[in-house]
Protein backbone atom coordinates (compact mmCIF):
# COMPACT_ATOMS: atom_id res chain seq x y z
CA MET A 1 -32.86 -32.13 12.65
CA ASN A 2 -31.57 -28.59 13.25
CA GLU A 3 -28.71 -27.37 11.06
CA GLN A 4 -25.31 -27.45 12.72
CA LYS A 5 -24.03 -24.04 13.85
CA ILE A 6 -20.57 -22.90 14.94
CA LEU A 7 -20.46 -20.49 17.88
CA ALA A 8 -17.17 -18.65 18.35
CA ALA A 9 -16.59 -17.70 21.99
CA ILE A 10 -14.01 -14.94 22.29
CA THR A 11 -12.47 -14.19 25.67
CA VAL A 12 -10.45 -11.06 26.38
CA GLY A 13 -8.06 -13.39 28.22
CA GLN A 14 -6.70 -16.70 26.96
CA ALA A 15 -8.51 -19.74 25.61
CA PRO A 16 -9.59 -22.29 26.53
CA ARG A 17 -11.81 -20.88 29.27
CA VAL A 18 -12.47 -24.18 31.00
CA ASP A 19 -13.89 -22.27 33.97
CA ILE A 20 -16.69 -20.93 31.74
CA THR A 21 -17.29 -23.91 29.47
CA ALA A 22 -17.89 -26.15 32.49
CA ASP A 23 -21.12 -24.20 33.04
CA ILE A 24 -22.20 -23.41 29.49
CA LEU A 25 -21.47 -26.55 27.48
CA PRO A 26 -24.30 -28.51 29.16
CA LEU A 27 -26.69 -25.69 28.20
CA LEU A 28 -25.75 -25.46 24.53
CA PRO A 29 -28.17 -26.90 21.95
CA PRO A 30 -26.85 -30.19 20.52
CA ASN A 31 -26.54 -28.64 17.05
CA VAL A 32 -24.16 -25.89 18.25
CA ILE A 33 -20.39 -26.44 18.20
CA LEU A 34 -18.33 -24.14 20.44
CA ARG A 35 -14.95 -22.85 19.25
CA GLU A 36 -12.85 -20.77 21.62
CA TYR A 37 -10.56 -17.85 20.87
CA GLY A 38 -8.52 -15.68 23.24
CA ALA A 39 -7.41 -12.12 22.63
CA LEU A 40 -4.25 -12.82 24.67
CA ASP A 41 -3.52 -16.26 23.21
CA GLU A 42 -0.23 -15.18 21.60
CA LEU A 43 1.05 -13.30 24.67
CA THR A 44 2.59 -14.34 27.97
CA PHE A 45 1.42 -13.23 31.40
CA ASP A 46 4.53 -11.09 31.82
CA GLU A 47 4.05 -9.44 28.42
CA VAL A 48 0.46 -8.51 29.25
CA THR A 49 1.22 -7.14 32.70
CA ALA A 50 4.19 -5.14 31.39
CA ALA A 51 2.55 -3.67 28.30
CA PHE A 52 -1.16 -3.47 29.12
CA ALA A 53 -1.21 -2.44 32.78
CA PRO A 54 -3.97 0.12 33.49
CA GLN A 55 -2.98 3.65 34.38
CA GLU A 56 -4.97 5.97 36.60
CA GLY A 57 -8.27 6.83 34.91
CA ASP A 58 -8.17 3.89 32.47
CA GLU A 59 -11.06 1.49 32.10
CA VAL A 60 -9.98 -1.71 33.86
CA LEU A 61 -10.73 -5.20 32.57
CA VAL A 62 -9.99 -8.46 34.36
CA SER A 63 -9.72 -11.92 32.81
CA ARG A 64 -8.01 -15.27 33.10
CA MET A 65 -4.87 -16.69 31.52
CA ARG A 66 -4.72 -20.26 30.28
CA ASP A 67 -2.92 -21.39 33.44
CA GLY A 68 -5.67 -19.97 35.66
CA ARG A 69 -3.91 -16.77 36.75
CA GLN A 70 -5.91 -13.56 36.96
CA VAL A 71 -4.72 -10.81 34.65
CA LYS A 72 -5.69 -7.12 34.66
CA PHE A 73 -5.35 -4.73 31.74
CA THR A 74 -6.86 -1.64 30.19
CA GLN A 75 -9.60 -1.66 27.57
CA PRO A 76 -7.96 0.25 24.66
CA TYR A 77 -5.11 -2.26 24.40
CA ILE A 78 -7.42 -5.25 24.11
CA VAL A 79 -9.85 -3.90 21.49
CA PRO A 80 -7.67 -4.52 18.39
CA LEU A 81 -6.77 -7.99 19.67
CA VAL A 82 -10.44 -8.87 20.08
CA GLN A 83 -11.13 -7.53 16.58
CA GLN A 84 -8.42 -9.81 15.19
CA LYS A 85 -10.09 -12.82 16.80
CA ILE A 86 -13.52 -11.80 15.45
CA THR A 87 -12.07 -11.65 11.94
CA GLN A 88 -10.28 -14.98 12.41
CA ALA A 89 -13.42 -16.68 13.73
CA GLU A 90 -15.47 -15.48 10.76
CA GLN A 91 -12.79 -16.65 8.32
CA GLU A 92 -12.90 -20.06 10.01
CA GLY A 93 -16.64 -20.42 9.51
CA ALA A 94 -18.30 -19.05 12.65
CA ASP A 95 -22.08 -18.62 12.34
CA ALA A 96 -22.25 -16.43 15.45
CA ILE A 97 -19.86 -14.84 17.93
CA LEU A 98 -20.18 -14.60 21.70
CA LEU A 99 -17.95 -12.11 23.50
CA LEU A 100 -16.98 -13.53 26.89
CA CYS A 101 -16.67 -10.16 28.64
CA THR A 102 -19.24 -7.80 30.17
CA GLY A 103 -17.05 -4.73 29.64
CA VAL A 104 -17.96 -1.68 27.57
CA PHE A 105 -16.36 -1.67 24.11
CA PRO A 106 -16.47 0.43 20.94
CA LYS A 107 -18.34 -1.04 18.00
CA PHE A 108 -16.60 -4.09 16.57
CA GLU A 109 -16.67 -4.95 12.87
CA HIS A 110 -18.40 -8.26 12.25
CA LYS A 111 -20.40 -9.95 9.49
CA VAL A 112 -22.19 -12.64 11.52
CA LEU A 113 -24.45 -12.25 14.54
CA MET A 114 -22.48 -11.09 17.59
CA LEU A 115 -23.73 -11.27 21.15
CA GLU A 116 -22.14 -8.77 23.54
CA PRO A 117 -23.06 -9.32 27.21
CA GLN A 118 -22.93 -5.71 28.41
CA GLY A 119 -25.88 -4.42 26.40
CA LEU A 120 -28.03 -7.49 27.01
CA LEU A 121 -27.27 -7.53 30.73
CA HIS A 122 -28.14 -3.84 31.15
CA ALA A 123 -31.31 -4.21 29.08
CA VAL A 124 -32.58 -7.22 31.03
CA ALA A 125 -31.74 -5.66 34.39
CA GLY A 126 -33.42 -2.41 33.40
CA LYS A 127 -36.72 -4.20 32.75
CA LEU A 128 -36.70 -6.04 36.08
CA THR A 129 -35.82 -3.44 38.72
CA GLY A 130 -39.35 -2.37 39.60
CA GLY A 131 -37.97 1.00 40.62
CA LYS A 132 -35.45 -0.47 43.08
CA LYS A 133 -31.67 -0.54 42.94
CA VAL A 134 -29.61 -3.35 41.46
CA GLY A 135 -26.79 -4.96 43.45
CA LEU A 136 -23.67 -5.23 41.35
CA LEU A 137 -20.66 -7.46 41.97
CA VAL A 138 -17.49 -6.60 40.01
CA PRO A 139 -14.07 -8.29 40.21
CA MET A 140 -11.76 -5.47 41.37
CA PRO A 141 -12.00 -2.44 43.68
CA ASP A 142 -10.75 -0.18 40.88
CA GLN A 143 -13.76 -1.25 38.77
CA VAL A 144 -16.34 -0.03 41.30
CA GLU A 145 -16.35 3.62 40.22
CA GLN A 146 -16.52 2.76 36.53
CA ALA A 147 -19.41 0.35 37.23
CA TYR A 148 -21.42 3.19 38.78
CA ARG A 149 -20.69 5.26 35.67
CA PHE A 150 -21.44 2.62 33.03
CA TRP A 151 -24.64 1.37 34.65
CA GLY A 152 -25.72 4.93 35.40
CA GLU A 153 -25.35 5.77 31.71
CA SER A 154 -27.86 2.97 31.05
CA GLY A 155 -30.31 4.60 33.47
CA LEU A 156 -29.82 2.06 36.25
CA ASP A 157 -29.43 2.84 39.94
CA VAL A 158 -26.86 0.43 41.39
CA VAL A 159 -24.92 -0.34 44.55
CA VAL A 160 -21.56 -1.92 43.87
CA THR A 161 -18.96 -4.00 45.65
CA SER A 162 -16.10 -6.19 44.47
CA ALA A 163 -14.72 -9.72 44.75
CA SER A 164 -12.72 -11.46 42.05
CA PRO A 165 -14.08 -14.69 40.54
CA TYR A 166 -10.48 -15.68 39.78
CA LEU A 167 -9.10 -15.62 43.33
CA GLU A 168 -10.66 -16.95 46.56
CA PHE A 169 -14.19 -18.33 46.30
CA ALA A 170 -14.79 -17.36 49.94
CA LYS A 171 -14.26 -13.70 49.09
CA VAL A 172 -17.26 -13.82 46.73
CA ARG A 173 -19.42 -15.16 49.54
CA GLU A 174 -18.11 -12.47 51.90
CA ALA A 175 -18.80 -9.72 49.35
CA ALA A 176 -22.40 -10.91 49.03
CA GLU A 177 -23.00 -9.88 52.64
CA PHE A 178 -22.64 -6.25 51.52
CA PHE A 179 -26.03 -6.47 49.81
CA CYS A 180 -27.99 -7.90 52.72
CA ASP A 181 -29.15 -4.50 54.05
CA LYS A 182 -29.16 -2.55 50.77
CA ASP A 183 -32.80 -3.12 49.67
CA VAL A 184 -31.88 -4.14 46.13
CA ALA A 185 -34.24 -5.91 43.73
CA PHE A 186 -31.66 -8.49 42.68
CA ILE A 187 -27.94 -8.88 42.07
CA CYS A 188 -25.96 -8.94 38.82
CA THR A 189 -22.50 -10.48 38.74
CA ASP A 190 -20.81 -8.12 36.28
CA CYS A 191 -18.15 -10.41 34.83
CA MET A 192 -18.24 -13.57 32.73
CA GLY A 193 -15.83 -15.12 35.23
CA TYR A 194 -18.46 -15.66 37.93
CA SER A 195 -19.64 -19.28 37.97
CA VAL A 196 -22.93 -21.02 38.65
CA ALA A 197 -21.50 -22.11 42.01
CA MET A 198 -20.72 -18.48 42.86
CA LYS A 199 -24.22 -17.42 41.84
CA GLN A 200 -25.66 -20.04 44.17
CA ALA A 201 -23.42 -18.87 47.02
CA VAL A 202 -24.56 -15.26 46.56
CA GLN A 203 -28.19 -16.40 46.51
CA GLN A 204 -27.69 -18.36 49.73
CA VAL A 205 -26.11 -15.40 51.53
CA THR A 206 -28.59 -12.74 50.38
CA GLY A 207 -31.80 -14.62 49.65
CA LEU A 208 -32.01 -12.57 46.45
CA PRO A 209 -32.26 -13.51 42.78
CA VAL A 210 -28.94 -13.35 40.91
CA ILE A 211 -28.39 -12.77 37.19
CA LEU A 212 -25.33 -14.61 35.87
CA PRO A 213 -24.05 -13.29 32.50
CA ARG A 214 -22.61 -16.56 31.21
CA THR A 215 -25.85 -18.51 31.54
CA LEU A 216 -28.02 -15.57 30.45
CA LEU A 217 -26.11 -15.34 27.18
CA ILE A 218 -26.21 -19.07 26.52
CA ARG A 219 -29.97 -19.06 26.99
CA VAL A 220 -30.15 -16.39 24.28
CA VAL A 221 -28.05 -18.66 22.08
CA ASN A 222 -30.54 -21.44 22.72
CA GLU A 223 -33.41 -19.19 21.66
CA LEU A 224 -31.59 -18.32 18.44
CA PHE A 225 -30.27 -21.72 17.38
CA ALA A 226 -31.99 -24.58 19.23
């Protein structure tokens, strides 16, 4: 029997992320226990929106509060809060850490294995393009320009549109139509908030393969710990 492992899942929003665990818990190996941590767990929605609101030129991140509300904030404010949760998770016995955000972050301090979606997503996409562009779906319009920049820095040619996974499901389906005449190799949903159901909707609209970060990362966890 495989040794039991504790996987700490850290969201930049609030835990629990029932919207994510609904898709990933069935895919976890039976020997892996998931513990959830949220960078914003000790804050209210009003505190976050008042103190962490992005200013012009800031890197924008979007996540979910415990009550299901979408919350938007800027990256520098969230980094020390994420670091606190990494340290807490390690002190509480985590064998590995999974960051539930595809954003770009500075290097975090950690002692155990840490899986960060952004690097893995870019690396996988870069090996699959076949010289074509990648369709990219991000949550907010003010994340489109930064998506071109971040993915371009990884050497990837992308076309980007937006639709939040935390608001109307129909808007995700509508946004998928943007890619129908763009001659892209496949589509990446660039946020951990997009669900399996949303992936399937995008596939139905476009007829294209779709890479979903939450299930991609859990399959890496399976390879490591199953």
